[in-house]
C-alpha atoms as a PDB file:
ATOM      1  CA  MET A   1      -0.129 -55.174 -29.299  1.00  0.00           C
ATOM      2  CA  LEU A   2      -1.203 -51.396 -30.813  1.00  0.00           C
ATOM      3  CA  THR A   3      -3.158 -49.097 -28.696  1.00  0.00           C
ATOM      4  CA  SER A   4      -2.949 -46.119 -30.578  1.00  0.00           C
ATOM      5  CA  PRO A   5      -6.562 -44.570 -30.577  1.00  0.00           C
ATOM      6  CA  PHE A   6      -6.397 -43.703 -34.452  1.00  0.00           C
ATOM      7  CA  LEU A   7      -6.041 -47.540 -34.925  1.00  0.00           C
ATOM      8  CA  LYS A   8      -8.829 -48.750 -32.654  1.00  0.00           C
ATOM      9  CA  THR A   9     -11.928 -46.422 -33.884  1.00  0.00           C
ATOM     10  CA  LYS A  10     -13.355 -47.554 -37.182  1.00  0.00           C
ATOM     11  CA  PRO A  11     -12.944 -44.983 -39.920  1.00  0.00           C
ATOM     12  CA  PRO A  12     -16.074 -42.391 -40.477  1.00  0.00           C
ATOM     13  CA  VAL A  13     -18.054 -43.191 -42.995  1.00  0.00           C
ATOM     14  CA  LEU A  14     -18.792 -40.624 -45.752  1.00  0.00           C
ATOM     15  CA  PRO A  15     -21.709 -39.873 -47.293  1.00  0.00           C
ATOM     16  CA  TRP A  16     -20.715 -40.264 -50.961  1.00  0.00           C
ATOM     17  CA  THR A  17     -17.756 -41.958 -52.498  1.00  0.00           C
ATOM     18  CA  PHE A  18     -14.942 -40.107 -54.346  1.00  0.00           C
ATOM     19  CA  PHE A  19     -16.445 -41.682 -57.630  1.00  0.00           C
ATOM     20  CA  GLU A  20     -20.174 -40.658 -56.635  1.00  0.00           C
ATOM     21  CA  VAL A  21     -19.132 -37.091 -56.346  1.00  0.00           C
ATOM     22  CA  LEU A  22     -16.603 -37.234 -59.388  1.00  0.00           C
ATOM     23  CA  GLY A  23     -19.708 -38.888 -61.232  1.00  0.00           C
ATOM     24  CA  ILE A  24     -21.508 -35.021 -60.306  1.00  0.00           C
ATOM     25  CA  LEU A  25     -18.664 -33.037 -61.131  1.00  0.00           C
ATOM     26  CA  VAL A  26     -18.480 -34.329 -64.252  1.00  0.00           C
ATOM     27  CA  GLU A  27     -22.282 -34.046 -64.994  1.00  0.00           C
ATOM     28  CA  VAL A  28     -22.811 -30.979 -63.977  1.00  0.00           C
ATOM     29  CA  ILE A  29     -19.547 -29.559 -65.929  1.00  0.00           C
ATOM     30  CA  ALA A  30     -21.063 -31.650 -69.180  1.00  0.00           C
ATOM     31  CA  LYS A  31     -24.055 -30.401 -68.749  1.00  0.00           C
ATOM     32  CA  MET A  32     -22.619 -26.347 -68.813  1.00  0.00           C
ATOM     33  CA  SER A  33     -20.476 -27.126 -71.587  1.00  0.00           C
ATOM     34  CA  MET A  34     -23.092 -28.067 -73.711  1.00  0.00           C
ATOM     35  CA  TRP A  35     -24.706 -25.425 -72.810  1.00  0.00           C
ATOM     36  CA  ALA A  36     -21.562 -23.133 -73.720  1.00  0.00           C
ATOM     37  CA  GLY A  37     -21.601 -24.246 -76.750  1.00  0.00           C
ATOM     38  CA  ALA A  38     -25.251 -24.619 -78.300  1.00  0.00           C
ATOM     39  CA  LEU A  39     -25.518 -20.711 -77.080  1.00  0.00           C
ATOM     40  CA  SER A  40     -22.177 -19.779 -78.404  1.00  0.00           C
ATOM     41  CA  ALA A  41     -22.698 -21.509 -82.344  1.00  0.00           C
ATOM     42  CA  GLY A  42     -26.721 -19.764 -81.665  1.00  0.00           C
ATOM     43  CA  ALA A  43     -25.398 -16.363 -80.938  1.00  0.00           C
ATOM     44  CA  ALA A  44     -22.339 -17.021 -83.854  1.00  0.00           C
ATOM     45  CA  ILE A  45     -25.201 -17.519 -86.687  1.00  0.00           C
ATOM     46  CA  GLY A  46     -27.528 -14.348 -85.884  1.00  0.00           C
ATOM     47  CA  CYS A  47     -30.053 -15.966 -83.410  1.00  0.00           C
ATOM     48  CA  THR A  48     -31.482 -13.058 -81.091  1.00  0.00           C
ATOM     49  CA  ILE A  49     -30.421 -12.866 -77.892  1.00  0.00           C
ATOM     50  CA  MET A  50     -34.466 -13.206 -76.787  1.00  0.00           C
ATOM     51  CA  ILE A  51     -34.730 -16.573 -78.820  1.00  0.00           C
ATOM     52  CA  LEU A  52     -31.028 -18.162 -77.340  1.00  0.00           C
ATOM     53  CA  ARG A  53     -32.844 -17.256 -73.765  1.00  0.00           C
ATOM     54  CA  ARG A  54     -36.137 -18.908 -73.794  1.00  0.00           C
ATOM     55  CA  MET A  55     -34.360 -21.746 -75.584  1.00  0.00           C
ATOM     56  CA  GLY A  56     -31.623 -22.000 -73.118  1.00  0.00           C
ATOM     57  CA  GLY A  57     -34.039 -22.299 -69.886  1.00  0.00           C
ATOM     58  CA  PHE A  58     -33.169 -19.149 -68.733  1.00  0.00           C
ATOM     59  CA  SER A  59     -35.124 -16.008 -67.292  1.00  0.00           C
ATOM     60  CA  LEU A  60     -36.038 -13.550 -70.384  1.00  0.00           C
ATOM     61  CA  ALA A  61     -34.292 -10.747 -68.746  1.00  0.00           C
ATOM     62  CA  SER A  62     -31.659 -13.014 -67.289  1.00  0.00           C
ATOM     63  CA  THR A  63     -27.943 -11.827 -68.346  1.00  0.00           C
ATOM     64  CA  VAL A  64     -26.325 -15.165 -67.463  1.00  0.00           C
ATOM     65  CA  PRO A  65     -26.027 -16.416 -70.746  1.00  0.00           C
ATOM     66  CA  GLU A  66     -23.644 -13.206 -72.175  1.00  0.00           C
ATOM     67  CA  GLU A  67     -22.141 -13.613 -68.771  1.00  0.00           C
ATOM     68  CA  LYS A  68     -21.293 -17.353 -68.339  1.00  0.00           C
ATOM     69  CA  TYR A  69     -21.903 -19.140 -71.668  1.00  0.00           C
ATOM     70  CA  ILE A  70     -21.769 -17.097 -74.693  1.00  0.00           C
ATOM     71  CA  ASP A  71     -18.449 -16.740 -76.371  1.00  0.00           C
ATOM     72  CA  PRO A  72     -17.934 -14.111 -78.901  1.00  0.00           C
ATOM     73  CA  SER A  73     -15.361 -15.460 -80.665  1.00  0.00           C
ATOM     74  CA  CYS A  74     -16.887 -18.813 -81.219  1.00  0.00           C
ATOM     75  CA  PRO A  75     -16.930 -19.169 -84.991  1.00  0.00           C
ATOM     76  CA  PRO A  76     -20.478 -19.170 -87.603  1.00  0.00           C
ATOM     77  CA  THR A  77     -20.512 -22.716 -88.697  1.00  0.00           C
ATOM     78  CA  GLN A  78     -22.599 -25.118 -90.757  1.00  0.00           C
ATOM     79  CA  ALA A  79     -22.984 -26.894 -87.666  1.00  0.00           C
ATOM     80  CA  ALA A  80     -24.345 -24.357 -86.092  1.00  0.00           C
ATOM     81  CA  ILE A  81     -26.831 -23.864 -88.673  1.00  0.00           C
ATOM     82  CA  PHE A  82     -27.867 -27.257 -89.168  1.00  0.00           C
ATOM     83  CA  PHE A  83     -28.649 -27.886 -85.442  1.00  0.00           C
ATOM     84  CA  PHE A  84     -29.810 -23.706 -84.723  1.00  0.00           C
ATOM     85  CA  GLY A  85     -30.484 -22.134 -88.091  1.00  0.00           C
ATOM     86  CA  TRP A  86     -34.338 -22.426 -87.221  1.00  0.00           C
ATOM     87  CA  MET A  87     -33.568 -20.547 -84.199  1.00  0.00           C
ATOM     88  CA  ARG A  88     -32.782 -17.307 -86.569  1.00  0.00           C
ATOM     89  CA  PRO A  89     -35.112 -14.448 -86.758  1.00  0.00           C
ATOM     90  CA  THR A  90     -36.690 -14.893 -90.611  1.00  0.00           C
ATOM     91  CA  PRO A  91     -35.030 -11.724 -93.631  1.00  0.00           C
ATOM     92  CA  THR A  92     -37.382  -9.570 -94.190  1.00  0.00           C
ATOM     93  CA  THR A  93     -37.775  -7.781 -97.459  1.00  0.00           C
END
């Protein structure tokens, strides 16, 4: 008969399973990457930072979009113009 104290006690019950934690992490990372893609694409086609902050749900004085989400190496594309072109400032003559 085994007398180890580790075998007699039940394992601790964790509040979340591994897959629940993994699902939360994937959801957070996916949301952040969607913000980064949208903000980078908008900045690439000439949307103002004030519009990007407002549409992204950031404070108008926040520097988070520029620091964490906007990638200056993102090229302007037709897809960016299709989805975010309406946010560009209207040209004045």
